[in-house]
Amino acid sequence: MKVFKYNLKLRSNDLNIVRDFVARGDFSFHNLSKIIMTCLNWTGEKQITYFIESSKIEITDSRIEIPKTMGINFKSDRDSICENFLDKGSKFVMIYGDETPFVFDIEVVDVIYDYEKEAELLNSIGKEPVESCEGEREYMEIVSILNNPDDSKYDETIEWIGKDYLNNTLSIESINENFENFDLILDEENEVEDMSDDSEYSFDIFSDLM
């Protein structure tokens, strides 16, 4: 079994959010999204878009009018198997959200064979941002409020994000416990070939965001 080792890092000058994890190469990007969301301790309710440079893909669609970005919205998990697009050294970008999204840079740092686990979080740096924030700017505003209990918005902010967030640290052990039965969920979903038109992720190639 081929397994990719990924490094995921939030693109930010102020926040150091890093996750190192592994996932099977024959997982789809749809399932990779769920693995990433689990590693971030997020629900994954917002739009997810991937941008990647790849010489393996050729798109001939006269309807595409943007020269620097060509995109595919996959209708099937089987059309978007990661190992068909990625290899060791591949770099790509994940956009989470719409108007003011979080932007993550991702790299395949290694390819491992005969790895015992199908998905595993290896390393975690930095507390995850509040997922419901509209991107990094709003999250930084919240951090500023939380660091100042005298702020007039402190109490309502605590009520919104939950008191446990202040002292909460992401547990690698608890994340990996979630992965123990994760393969069964993914395998069941792979049996469903067609995805709805409002798929939660899209995949774009040759983007100038790289």
N, C-alpha and C. Protein backbone atom coordinates (compact mmCIF):
# COMPACT_ATOMS: atom_id res chain seq x y z
N MET A 1 0.84 -1.19 0.00
CA MET A 1 0.00 0.00 0.00
C MET A 1 0.88 1.25 0.00
N LYS A 2 0.63 2.15 -0.95
CA LYS A 2 1.38 3.40 -1.02
C LYS A 2 0.71 4.43 -0.12
N VAL A 3 1.52 5.08 0.70
CA VAL A 3 1.02 6.10 1.62
C VAL A 3 1.83 7.38 1.41
N PHE A 4 1.14 8.50 1.33
CA PHE A 4 1.81 9.80 1.19
C PHE A 4 1.98 10.44 2.57
N LYS A 5 3.16 11.02 2.79
CA LYS A 5 3.39 11.81 3.99
C LYS A 5 3.27 13.28 3.60
N TYR A 6 2.34 13.98 4.23
CA TYR A 6 2.02 15.36 3.89
C TYR A 6 2.51 16.32 4.96
N ASN A 7 2.90 17.51 4.52
CA ASN A 7 3.14 18.64 5.42
C ASN A 7 2.14 19.73 5.04
N LEU A 8 1.33 20.13 6.00
CA LEU A 8 0.31 21.15 5.78
C LEU A 8 0.63 22.35 6.66
N LYS A 9 0.63 23.55 6.07
CA LYS A 9 0.97 24.75 6.82
C LYS A 9 0.04 25.89 6.42
N LEU A 10 -0.51 26.57 7.42
CA LEU A 10 -1.34 27.73 7.15
C LEU A 10 -0.48 28.85 6.58
N ARG A 11 -0.91 29.43 5.46
CA ARG A 11 -0.18 30.54 4.86
C ARG A 11 -0.50 31.80 5.66
N SER A 12 0.44 32.22 6.52
CA SER A 12 0.20 33.33 7.43
C SER A 12 1.52 33.90 7.93
N ASN A 13 1.53 35.20 8.14
CA ASN A 13 2.69 35.86 8.73
C ASN A 13 2.60 35.90 10.25
N ASP A 14 1.41 35.63 10.78
CA ASP A 14 1.18 35.78 12.22
C ASP A 14 0.93 34.47 12.95
N LEU A 15 0.46 33.47 12.23
CA LEU A 15 0.09 32.21 12.87
C LEU A 15 0.97 31.08 12.35
N ASN A 16 1.45 30.25 13.26
CA ASN A 16 2.25 29.09 12.88
C ASN A 16 1.41 27.84 13.13
N ILE A 17 0.64 27.46 12.12
CA ILE A 17 -0.23 26.29 12.19
C ILE A 17 0.32 25.24 11.23
N VAL A 18 0.81 24.13 11.76
CA VAL A 18 1.44 23.09 10.93
C VAL A 18 0.88 21.73 11.34
N ARG A 19 0.63 20.88 10.35
CA ARG A 19 0.24 19.50 10.61
C ARG A 19 1.05 18.59 9.68
N ASP A 20 1.66 17.57 10.25
CA ASP A 20 2.30 16.51 9.47
C ASP A 20 1.45 15.25 9.63
N PHE A 21 1.05 14.66 8.51
CA PHE A 21 0.18 13.49 8.59
C PHE A 21 0.42 12.58 7.39
N VAL A 22 -0.07 11.37 7.50
CA VAL A 22 0.03 10.42 6.39
C VAL A 22 -1.38 10.00 5.99
N ALA A 23 -1.53 9.64 4.72
CA ALA A 23 -2.80 9.15 4.20
C ALA A 23 -2.54 8.29 2.98
N ARG A 24 -3.36 7.29 2.80
CA ARG A 24 -3.22 6.39 1.67
C ARG A 24 -3.27 7.15 0.34
N GLY A 25 -2.41 6.73 -0.58
CA GLY A 25 -2.35 7.39 -1.87
C GLY A 25 -3.56 7.13 -2.73
N ASP A 26 -4.28 6.04 -2.47
CA ASP A 26 -5.45 5.74 -3.30
C ASP A 26 -6.74 6.33 -2.72
N PHE A 27 -6.60 7.21 -1.72
CA PHE A 27 -7.76 7.97 -1.28
C PHE A 27 -8.06 9.07 -2.29
N SER A 28 -9.32 9.45 -2.40
CA SER A 28 -9.70 10.55 -3.28
C SER A 28 -9.43 11.88 -2.58
N PHE A 29 -9.45 12.97 -3.36
CA PHE A 29 -9.30 14.29 -2.76
C PHE A 29 -10.47 14.60 -1.84
N HIS A 30 -11.63 14.06 -2.14
CA HIS A 30 -12.78 14.23 -1.26
C HIS A 30 -12.48 13.66 0.12
N ASN A 31 -11.89 12.48 0.14
CA ASN A 31 -11.55 11.86 1.42
C ASN A 31 -10.33 12.50 2.05
N LEU A 32 -9.38 12.98 1.23
CA LEU A 32 -8.24 13.72 1.77
C LEU A 32 -8.72 14.95 2.52
N SER A 33 -9.75 15.61 1.98
CA SER A 33 -10.31 16.77 2.66
C SER A 33 -10.79 16.41 4.06
N LYS A 34 -11.45 15.26 4.18
CA LYS A 34 -11.95 14.84 5.49
C LYS A 34 -10.81 14.52 6.44
N ILE A 35 -9.74 13.96 5.91
CA ILE A 35 -8.57 13.67 6.75
C ILE A 35 -7.94 14.96 7.24
N ILE A 36 -7.80 15.94 6.34
CA ILE A 36 -7.22 17.23 6.73
C ILE A 36 -8.09 17.92 7.77
N MET A 37 -9.40 17.91 7.56
CA MET A 37 -10.30 18.54 8.53
C MET A 37 -10.20 17.87 9.90
N THR A 38 -10.03 16.56 9.91
CA THR A 38 -9.86 15.84 11.17
C THR A 38 -8.56 16.25 11.85
N CYS A 39 -7.49 16.39 11.06
CA CYS A 39 -6.20 16.81 11.62
C CYS A 39 -6.27 18.23 12.18
N LEU A 40 -7.14 19.06 11.63
CA LEU A 40 -7.30 20.43 12.11
C LEU A 40 -8.36 20.53 13.20
N ASN A 41 -9.06 19.41 13.45
CA ASN A 41 -10.16 19.40 14.40
C ASN A 41 -11.29 20.32 13.96
N TRP A 42 -11.54 20.35 12.66
CA TRP A 42 -12.61 21.15 12.06
C TRP A 42 -13.71 20.25 11.53
N THR A 43 -14.88 20.83 11.27
CA THR A 43 -16.01 20.07 10.76
C THR A 43 -15.96 19.91 9.24
N GLY A 44 -15.34 20.86 8.55
CA GLY A 44 -15.28 20.80 7.09
C GLY A 44 -16.55 21.24 6.42
N GLU A 45 -17.28 22.18 7.01
CA GLU A 45 -18.57 22.61 6.47
C GLU A 45 -18.44 23.65 5.36
N LYS A 46 -17.27 24.24 5.20
CA LYS A 46 -17.11 25.29 4.19
C LYS A 46 -16.58 24.71 2.88
N GLN A 47 -16.62 25.55 1.84
CA GLN A 47 -16.13 25.15 0.52
C GLN A 47 -14.62 24.88 0.57
N ILE A 48 -14.20 23.79 -0.06
CA ILE A 48 -12.78 23.44 -0.15
C ILE A 48 -12.37 23.41 -1.61
N THR A 49 -11.30 24.13 -1.93
CA THR A 49 -10.77 24.15 -3.29
C THR A 49 -9.29 23.83 -3.25
N TYR A 50 -8.83 22.98 -4.15
CA TYR A 50 -7.41 22.64 -4.26
C TYR A 50 -6.83 23.27 -5.53
N PHE A 51 -5.61 23.76 -5.42
CA PHE A 51 -4.86 24.27 -6.56
C PHE A 51 -3.56 23.50 -6.65
N ILE A 52 -3.25 22.99 -7.83
CA ILE A 52 -2.06 22.15 -7.97
C ILE A 52 -1.46 22.33 -9.35
N GLU A 53 -0.13 22.25 -9.42
CA GLU A 53 0.57 22.20 -10.69
C GLU A 53 0.90 20.75 -10.99
N SER A 54 0.59 20.30 -12.18
CA SER A 54 0.85 18.91 -12.52
C SER A 54 1.01 18.76 -14.01
N SER A 55 2.05 18.03 -14.40
CA SER A 55 2.27 17.76 -15.82
C SER A 55 1.47 16.55 -16.28
N LYS A 56 0.76 15.91 -15.36
CA LYS A 56 0.02 14.71 -15.71
C LYS A 56 -1.36 15.01 -16.27
N ILE A 57 -1.76 16.27 -16.24
CA ILE A 57 -3.12 16.62 -16.61
C ILE A 57 -3.13 17.52 -17.83
N GLU A 58 -3.96 17.20 -18.77
CA GLU A 58 -4.17 18.06 -19.93
C GLU A 58 -5.65 18.34 -20.06
N ILE A 59 -6.02 19.60 -20.09
CA ILE A 59 -7.42 19.98 -20.16
C ILE A 59 -7.68 20.67 -21.48
N THR A 60 -8.63 20.20 -22.24
CA THR A 60 -9.01 20.85 -23.49
C THR A 60 -10.48 21.19 -23.41
N ASP A 61 -10.78 22.36 -22.93
CA ASP A 61 -12.16 22.81 -22.77
C ASP A 61 -12.23 24.26 -23.20
N SER A 62 -12.87 24.52 -24.31
CA SER A 62 -12.91 25.87 -24.87
C SER A 62 -13.71 26.83 -24.00
N ARG A 63 -14.48 26.29 -23.06
CA ARG A 63 -15.28 27.16 -22.19
C ARG A 63 -14.43 27.82 -21.11
N ILE A 64 -13.23 27.32 -20.89
CA ILE A 64 -12.36 27.90 -19.86
C ILE A 64 -11.76 29.19 -20.39
N GLU A 65 -12.05 30.29 -19.71
CA GLU A 65 -11.64 31.61 -20.19
C GLU A 65 -10.50 32.21 -19.39
N ILE A 66 -10.17 31.61 -18.24
CA ILE A 66 -9.10 32.15 -17.41
C ILE A 66 -7.80 31.43 -17.75
N PRO A 67 -6.83 32.11 -18.36
CA PRO A 67 -5.65 31.41 -18.87
C PRO A 67 -4.74 30.82 -17.79
N LYS A 68 -4.70 31.42 -16.60
CA LYS A 68 -3.74 30.96 -15.59
C LYS A 68 -4.32 29.88 -14.68
N THR A 69 -5.60 29.69 -14.72
CA THR A 69 -6.22 28.70 -13.84
C THR A 69 -7.20 27.85 -14.63
N MET A 70 -6.99 26.56 -14.62
CA MET A 70 -7.92 25.65 -15.26
C MET A 70 -8.47 24.73 -14.20
N GLY A 71 -9.76 24.48 -14.22
CA GLY A 71 -10.35 23.74 -13.11
C GLY A 71 -11.21 22.57 -13.51
N ILE A 72 -11.31 21.63 -12.60
CA ILE A 72 -12.19 20.49 -12.76
C ILE A 72 -13.03 20.36 -11.49
N ASN A 73 -14.33 20.21 -11.65
CA ASN A 73 -15.18 19.82 -10.53
C ASN A 73 -15.49 18.34 -10.70
N PHE A 74 -14.89 17.52 -9.88
CA PHE A 74 -15.06 16.09 -10.02
C PHE A 74 -16.47 15.66 -9.62
N LYS A 75 -17.05 14.78 -10.40
CA LYS A 75 -18.37 14.23 -10.09
C LYS A 75 -18.26 12.85 -9.45
N SER A 76 -17.06 12.35 -9.35
CA SER A 76 -16.88 11.00 -8.82
C SER A 76 -15.59 10.93 -8.02
N ASP A 77 -15.62 10.23 -6.90
CA ASP A 77 -14.41 10.01 -6.13
C ASP A 77 -13.35 9.30 -6.96
N ARG A 78 -13.78 8.40 -7.82
CA ARG A 78 -12.83 7.61 -8.60
C ARG A 78 -12.05 8.47 -9.59
N ASP A 79 -12.58 9.64 -9.92
CA ASP A 79 -11.88 10.54 -10.85
C ASP A 79 -10.78 11.34 -10.17
N SER A 80 -10.73 11.32 -8.85
CA SER A 80 -9.82 12.22 -8.14
C SER A 80 -8.94 11.49 -7.14
N ILE A 81 -8.42 10.34 -7.52
CA ILE A 81 -7.53 9.60 -6.63
C ILE A 81 -6.20 10.35 -6.52
N CYS A 82 -5.74 10.57 -5.30
CA CYS A 82 -4.58 11.43 -5.06
C CYS A 82 -3.33 10.96 -5.80
N GLU A 83 -3.06 9.65 -5.81
CA GLU A 83 -1.83 9.18 -6.41
C GLU A 83 -1.81 9.34 -7.93
N ASN A 84 -2.95 9.65 -8.54
CA ASN A 84 -2.99 9.93 -9.97
C ASN A 84 -2.51 11.34 -10.29
N PHE A 85 -2.45 12.19 -9.27
CA PHE A 85 -2.08 13.59 -9.47
C PHE A 85 -0.85 14.00 -8.68
N LEU A 86 -0.50 13.25 -7.65
CA LEU A 86 0.56 13.65 -6.73
C LEU A 86 1.67 12.62 -6.69
N ASP A 87 2.85 13.09 -6.30
CA ASP A 87 4.00 12.22 -6.07
C ASP A 87 4.90 12.93 -5.08
N LYS A 88 5.99 12.31 -4.70
CA LYS A 88 6.92 12.94 -3.76
C LYS A 88 7.39 14.27 -4.32
N GLY A 89 7.32 15.31 -3.50
CA GLY A 89 7.72 16.65 -3.92
C GLY A 89 6.58 17.49 -4.47
N SER A 90 5.42 16.90 -4.70
CA SER A 90 4.28 17.67 -5.20
C SER A 90 3.85 18.71 -4.17
N LYS A 91 3.57 19.92 -4.66
CA LYS A 91 3.10 20.99 -3.80
C LYS A 91 1.76 21.49 -4.32
N PHE A 92 0.85 21.74 -3.39
CA PHE A 92 -0.44 22.27 -3.80
C PHE A 92 -1.03 23.12 -2.69
N VAL A 93 -2.13 23.77 -2.99
CA VAL A 93 -2.75 24.73 -2.08
C VAL A 93 -4.18 24.31 -1.81
N MET A 94 -4.59 24.43 -0.55
CA MET A 94 -5.98 24.20 -0.19
C MET A 94 -6.59 25.50 0.31
N ILE A 95 -7.70 25.90 -0.30
CA ILE A 95 -8.43 27.08 0.11
C ILE A 95 -9.66 26.63 0.88
N TYR A 96 -9.83 27.13 2.10
CA TYR A 96 -10.98 26.75 2.92
C TYR A 96 -11.82 27.98 3.20
N GLY A 97 -13.01 28.02 2.60
CA GLY A 97 -13.89 29.17 2.72
C GLY A 97 -14.04 29.86 1.38
N ASP A 98 -14.81 30.94 1.35
CA ASP A 98 -15.13 31.61 0.10
C ASP A 98 -14.48 32.99 -0.01
N GLU A 99 -15.12 34.02 0.50
CA GLU A 99 -14.66 35.38 0.27
C GLU A 99 -13.36 35.70 0.99
N THR A 100 -13.23 35.29 2.24
CA THR A 100 -12.00 35.54 3.01
C THR A 100 -11.54 34.22 3.62
N PRO A 101 -10.98 33.35 2.81
CA PRO A 101 -10.70 31.99 3.26
C PRO A 101 -9.40 31.86 4.03
N PHE A 102 -9.24 30.70 4.67
CA PHE A 102 -7.94 30.26 5.16
C PHE A 102 -7.22 29.58 4.00
N VAL A 103 -5.92 29.83 3.86
CA VAL A 103 -5.13 29.27 2.77
C VAL A 103 -4.03 28.39 3.36
N PHE A 104 -3.96 27.15 2.91
CA PHE A 104 -2.98 26.20 3.40
C PHE A 104 -2.07 25.75 2.26
N ASP A 105 -0.76 25.74 2.51
CA ASP A 105 0.21 25.16 1.58
C ASP A 105 0.48 23.73 2.01
N ILE A 106 0.42 22.81 1.04
CA ILE A 106 0.58 21.39 1.33
C ILE A 106 1.66 20.81 0.42
N GLU A 107 2.49 19.95 0.98
CA GLU A 107 3.54 19.28 0.20
C GLU A 107 3.55 17.79 0.52
N VAL A 108 3.75 16.99 -0.52
CA VAL A 108 3.99 15.56 -0.31
C VAL A 108 5.49 15.40 -0.06
N VAL A 109 5.88 15.20 1.18
CA VAL A 109 7.30 15.19 1.54
C VAL A 109 7.92 13.81 1.39
N ASP A 110 7.08 12.76 1.32
CA ASP A 110 7.64 11.42 1.18
C ASP A 110 6.54 10.46 0.72
N VAL A 111 6.97 9.37 0.13
CA VAL A 111 6.08 8.28 -0.22
C VAL A 111 6.55 7.05 0.54
N ILE A 112 5.66 6.44 1.29
CA ILE A 112 6.00 5.30 2.14
C ILE A 112 5.22 4.08 1.66
N TYR A 113 5.89 2.95 1.63
CA TYR A 113 5.23 1.71 1.22
C TYR A 113 5.07 0.79 2.44
N ASP A 114 3.99 0.04 2.44
CA ASP A 114 3.71 -0.92 3.52
C ASP A 114 3.59 -0.25 4.88
N TYR A 115 3.00 0.96 4.89
CA TYR A 115 2.76 1.65 6.15
C TYR A 115 1.58 0.99 6.85
N GLU A 116 1.66 0.83 8.14
CA GLU A 116 0.66 0.05 8.87
C GLU A 116 -0.69 0.74 8.94
N LYS A 117 -0.70 2.06 8.99
CA LYS A 117 -1.96 2.78 9.17
C LYS A 117 -2.33 3.52 7.88
N GLU A 118 -3.64 3.64 7.66
CA GLU A 118 -4.12 4.26 6.43
C GLU A 118 -4.18 5.78 6.54
N ALA A 119 -4.26 6.29 7.75
CA ALA A 119 -4.23 7.73 8.00
C ALA A 119 -3.77 7.95 9.43
N GLU A 120 -2.88 8.93 9.62
CA GLU A 120 -2.35 9.17 10.97
C GLU A 120 -1.79 10.58 11.04
N LEU A 121 -2.10 11.28 12.13
CA LEU A 121 -1.50 12.58 12.41
C LEU A 121 -0.18 12.36 13.13
N LEU A 122 0.91 12.87 12.57
CA LEU A 122 2.24 12.64 13.12
C LEU A 122 2.70 13.77 14.03
N ASN A 123 2.36 15.00 13.66
CA ASN A 123 2.88 16.15 14.39
C ASN A 123 1.89 17.30 14.27
N SER A 124 1.79 18.08 15.32
CA SER A 124 0.87 19.21 15.33
C SER A 124 1.53 20.40 15.99
N ILE A 125 1.58 21.52 15.28
CA ILE A 125 2.14 22.76 15.81
C ILE A 125 1.07 23.84 15.75
N GLY A 126 0.80 24.46 16.86
CA GLY A 126 -0.14 25.57 16.90
C GLY A 126 -1.58 25.14 17.09
N LYS A 127 -2.31 25.90 17.88
CA LYS A 127 -3.74 25.66 18.08
C LYS A 127 -4.48 25.98 16.79
N GLU A 128 -5.48 25.17 16.47
CA GLU A 128 -6.23 25.42 15.25
C GLU A 128 -7.03 26.72 15.38
N PRO A 129 -7.13 27.51 14.30
CA PRO A 129 -7.98 28.71 14.34
C PRO A 129 -9.44 28.33 14.52
N VAL A 130 -10.25 29.28 14.94
CA VAL A 130 -11.69 29.06 15.06
C VAL A 130 -12.27 28.89 13.66
N GLU A 131 -12.83 27.74 13.39
CA GLU A 131 -13.27 27.40 12.03
C GLU A 131 -14.35 28.35 11.52
N SER A 132 -15.23 28.80 12.40
CA SER A 132 -16.34 29.64 11.97
C SER A 132 -15.93 31.06 11.63
N CYS A 133 -14.67 31.42 11.88
CA CYS A 133 -14.18 32.74 11.50
C CYS A 133 -14.13 32.87 9.99
N GLU A 134 -14.31 34.09 9.51
CA GLU A 134 -14.18 34.35 8.08
C GLU A 134 -12.72 34.64 7.77
N GLY A 135 -11.90 33.63 7.83
CA GLY A 135 -10.50 33.76 7.46
C GLY A 135 -9.61 34.22 8.60
N GLU A 136 -8.34 34.40 8.26
CA GLU A 136 -7.31 34.70 9.26
C GLU A 136 -7.53 36.05 9.92
N ARG A 137 -7.95 37.05 9.16
CA ARG A 137 -8.08 38.40 9.72
C ARG A 137 -9.06 38.42 10.89
N GLU A 138 -10.23 37.81 10.71
CA GLU A 138 -11.21 37.79 11.79
C GLU A 138 -10.69 36.97 12.97
N TYR A 139 -9.98 35.89 12.67
CA TYR A 139 -9.43 35.08 13.75
C TYR A 139 -8.43 35.88 14.57
N MET A 140 -7.58 36.66 13.91
CA MET A 140 -6.60 37.47 14.63
C MET A 140 -7.29 38.53 15.48
N GLU A 141 -8.42 39.05 15.01
CA GLU A 141 -9.19 40.00 15.81
C GLU A 141 -9.71 39.33 17.08
N ILE A 142 -10.13 38.08 16.94
CA ILE A 142 -10.62 37.34 18.10
C ILE A 142 -9.49 37.06 19.08
N VAL A 143 -8.33 36.68 18.56
CA VAL A 143 -7.16 36.44 19.42
C VAL A 143 -6.83 37.70 20.21
N SER A 144 -6.91 38.86 19.54
CA SER A 144 -6.63 40.13 20.22
C SER A 144 -7.61 40.37 21.36
N ILE A 145 -8.87 40.05 21.13
CA ILE A 145 -9.89 40.22 22.17
C ILE A 145 -9.64 39.27 23.34
N LEU A 146 -9.31 38.02 23.02
CA LEU A 146 -9.09 37.02 24.06
C LEU A 146 -7.87 37.35 24.92
N ASN A 147 -6.92 38.06 24.34
CA ASN A 147 -5.72 38.46 25.08
C ASN A 147 -5.96 39.70 25.93
N ASN A 148 -7.16 40.26 25.84
CA ASN A 148 -7.48 41.47 26.60
C ASN A 148 -8.84 41.31 27.28
N PRO A 149 -8.87 40.74 28.49
CA PRO A 149 -10.15 40.51 29.18
C PRO A 149 -10.95 41.78 29.43
N ASP A 150 -10.31 42.95 29.36
CA ASP A 150 -11.02 44.21 29.57
C ASP A 150 -11.74 44.69 28.32
N ASP A 151 -11.53 44.01 27.21
CA ASP A 151 -12.19 44.40 25.97
C ASP A 151 -13.70 44.24 26.12
N SER A 152 -14.45 45.20 25.58
CA SER A 152 -15.91 45.19 25.72
C SER A 152 -16.55 43.97 25.05
N LYS A 153 -15.84 43.36 24.09
CA LYS A 153 -16.38 42.20 23.37
C LYS A 153 -15.89 40.86 23.95
N TYR A 154 -15.14 40.93 25.05
CA TYR A 154 -14.52 39.72 25.58
C TYR A 154 -15.57 38.67 25.97
N ASP A 155 -16.57 39.06 26.75
CA ASP A 155 -17.55 38.10 27.26
C ASP A 155 -18.34 37.46 26.12
N GLU A 156 -18.78 38.27 25.17
CA GLU A 156 -19.57 37.70 24.07
C GLU A 156 -18.71 36.83 23.17
N THR A 157 -17.42 37.14 23.06
CA THR A 157 -16.51 36.31 22.26
C THR A 157 -16.30 34.96 22.93
N ILE A 158 -16.11 34.98 24.26
CA ILE A 158 -15.97 33.73 25.00
C ILE A 158 -17.22 32.88 24.87
N GLU A 159 -18.38 33.53 24.93
CA GLU A 159 -19.64 32.80 24.80
C GLU A 159 -19.77 32.19 23.40
N TRP A 160 -19.27 32.90 22.40
CA TRP A 160 -19.39 32.43 21.01
C TRP A 160 -18.49 31.22 20.74
N ILE A 161 -17.22 31.30 21.14
CA ILE A 161 -16.29 30.23 20.79
C ILE A 161 -16.24 29.13 21.85
N GLY A 162 -16.77 29.41 23.04
CA GLY A 162 -16.75 28.41 24.09
C GLY A 162 -15.58 28.60 25.03
N LYS A 163 -15.84 28.49 26.33
CA LYS A 163 -14.80 28.71 27.32
C LYS A 163 -13.67 27.70 27.23
N ASP A 164 -13.98 26.50 26.76
CA ASP A 164 -12.95 25.47 26.72
C ASP A 164 -11.89 25.76 25.67
N TYR A 165 -12.16 26.70 24.76
CA TYR A 165 -11.18 26.99 23.72
C TYR A 165 -9.92 27.63 24.29
N LEU A 166 -10.04 28.39 25.37
CA LEU A 166 -8.90 29.11 25.93
C LEU A 166 -7.78 28.16 26.33
N ASN A 167 -8.14 27.04 26.95
CA ASN A 167 -7.13 26.10 27.44
C ASN A 167 -7.07 24.82 26.63
N ASN A 168 -7.79 24.80 25.53
CA ASN A 168 -7.85 23.59 24.72
C ASN A 168 -6.58 23.43 23.87
N THR A 169 -6.02 22.26 23.88
CA THR A 169 -4.90 21.94 22.99
C THR A 169 -5.26 20.71 22.18
N LEU A 170 -4.92 20.72 20.93
CA LEU A 170 -5.25 19.60 20.06
C LEU A 170 -4.47 18.37 20.49
N SER A 171 -5.17 17.28 20.67
CA SER A 171 -4.54 16.03 21.11
C SER A 171 -4.31 15.12 19.91
N ILE A 172 -3.03 14.83 19.64
CA ILE A 172 -2.71 13.92 18.54
C ILE A 172 -3.32 12.55 18.80
N GLU A 173 -3.30 12.13 20.06
CA GLU A 173 -3.84 10.82 20.40
C GLU A 173 -5.33 10.73 20.09
N SER A 174 -6.09 11.77 20.44
CA SER A 174 -7.53 11.73 20.19
C SER A 174 -7.84 11.79 18.70
N ILE A 175 -7.05 12.56 17.96
CA ILE A 175 -7.24 12.62 16.51
C ILE A 175 -7.01 11.25 15.90
N ASN A 176 -5.94 10.59 16.31
CA ASN A 176 -5.63 9.28 15.74
C ASN A 176 -6.63 8.21 16.17
N GLU A 177 -7.24 8.40 17.33
CA GLU A 177 -8.31 7.48 17.72
C GLU A 177 -9.48 7.59 16.73
N ASN A 178 -9.73 8.81 16.26
CA ASN A 178 -10.79 9.00 15.27
C ASN A 178 -10.46 8.30 13.96
N PHE A 179 -9.17 8.17 13.67
CA PHE A 179 -8.75 7.53 12.42
C PHE A 179 -8.83 6.01 12.46
N GLU A 180 -8.98 5.42 13.65
CA GLU A 180 -8.96 3.97 13.76
C GLU A 180 -10.06 3.30 12.95
N ASN A 181 -11.23 3.92 12.90
CA ASN A 181 -12.34 3.38 12.12
C ASN A 181 -12.63 4.24 10.89
N PHE A 182 -11.73 5.18 10.61
CA PHE A 182 -11.93 6.12 9.51
C PHE A 182 -11.92 5.41 8.17
N ASP A 183 -11.08 4.38 8.05
CA ASP A 183 -10.96 3.68 6.76
C ASP A 183 -12.28 3.03 6.37
N LEU A 184 -13.06 2.57 7.34
CA LEU A 184 -14.34 1.96 7.04
C LEU A 184 -15.30 2.98 6.46
N ILE A 185 -15.28 4.18 7.01
CA ILE A 185 -16.14 5.25 6.51
C ILE A 185 -15.75 5.61 5.09
N LEU A 186 -14.44 5.75 4.85
CA LEU A 186 -13.97 6.12 3.53
C LEU A 186 -14.28 5.05 2.50
N ASP A 187 -14.10 3.78 2.87
CA ASP A 187 -14.36 2.70 1.94
C ASP A 187 -15.83 2.65 1.55
N GLU A 188 -16.71 2.91 2.50
CA GLU A 188 -18.13 2.92 2.20
C GLU A 188 -18.47 4.05 1.24
N GLU A 189 -17.85 5.20 1.42
CA GLU A 189 -18.13 6.33 0.56
C GLU A 189 -17.58 6.12 -0.84
N ASN A 190 -16.48 5.40 -0.95
CA ASN A 190 -15.91 5.14 -2.26
C ASN A 190 -16.82 4.28 -3.13
N GLU A 191 -17.76 3.59 -2.50
CA GLU A 191 -18.69 2.77 -3.26
C GLU A 191 -19.72 3.63 -3.98
N VAL A 192 -19.88 4.87 -3.56
CA VAL A 192 -20.82 5.78 -4.20
C VAL A 192 -20.08 6.52 -5.30
N GLU A 193 -20.40 6.22 -6.53
CA GLU A 193 -19.61 6.75 -7.64
C GLU A 193 -19.93 8.19 -7.95
N ASP A 194 -21.21 8.56 -7.99
CA ASP A 194 -21.60 9.89 -8.41
C ASP A 194 -21.72 10.80 -7.20
N MET A 195 -21.18 12.04 -7.36
CA MET A 195 -21.29 13.03 -6.31
C MET A 195 -22.28 14.09 -6.76
N SER A 196 -22.89 14.80 -5.84
CA SER A 196 -23.88 15.80 -6.17
C SER A 196 -23.22 17.00 -6.84
N ASP A 197 -24.03 17.81 -7.50
CA ASP A 197 -23.52 18.98 -8.20
C ASP A 197 -22.94 20.01 -7.25
N ASP A 198 -23.41 20.01 -5.99
CA ASP A 198 -22.89 20.96 -5.01
C ASP A 198 -21.81 20.32 -4.17
N SER A 199 -20.91 19.61 -4.83
CA SER A 199 -19.80 18.94 -4.15
C SER A 199 -19.03 19.94 -3.31
N GLU A 200 -18.52 19.49 -2.16
CA GLU A 200 -17.89 20.40 -1.21
C GLU A 200 -16.47 20.76 -1.60
N TYR A 201 -15.96 20.21 -2.68
CA TYR A 201 -14.61 20.55 -3.05
C TYR A 201 -14.47 20.63 -4.57
N SER A 202 -13.51 21.41 -5.01
CA SER A 202 -13.16 21.46 -6.42
C SER A 202 -11.65 21.39 -6.52
N PHE A 203 -11.17 21.23 -7.73
CA PHE A 203 -9.75 20.94 -7.91
C PHE A 203 -9.28 21.71 -9.14
N ASP A 204 -8.32 22.61 -8.97
CA ASP A 204 -7.86 23.45 -10.06
C ASP A 204 -6.39 23.21 -10.34
N ILE A 205 -6.02 23.30 -11.61
CA ILE A 205 -4.67 22.96 -12.05
C ILE A 205 -3.99 24.18 -12.67
N PHE A 206 -2.66 24.27 -12.51
CA PHE A 206 -1.84 25.33 -13.09
C PHE A 206 -2.23 26.70 -12.54
N SER A 207 -2.47 26.78 -11.27
CA SER A 207 -2.93 28.02 -10.67
C SER A 207 -1.77 28.97 -10.38
N ASP A 208 -2.05 30.28 -10.49
CA ASP A 208 -1.05 31.28 -10.14
C ASP A 208 -0.99 31.51 -8.63
N LEU A 209 -1.75 30.73 -7.85
CA LEU A 209 -1.64 30.82 -6.40
C LEU A 209 -0.44 30.06 -5.87
N MET A 210 0.16 29.22 -6.70
CA MET A 210 1.29 28.42 -6.23
C MET A 210 2.49 29.32 -5.95
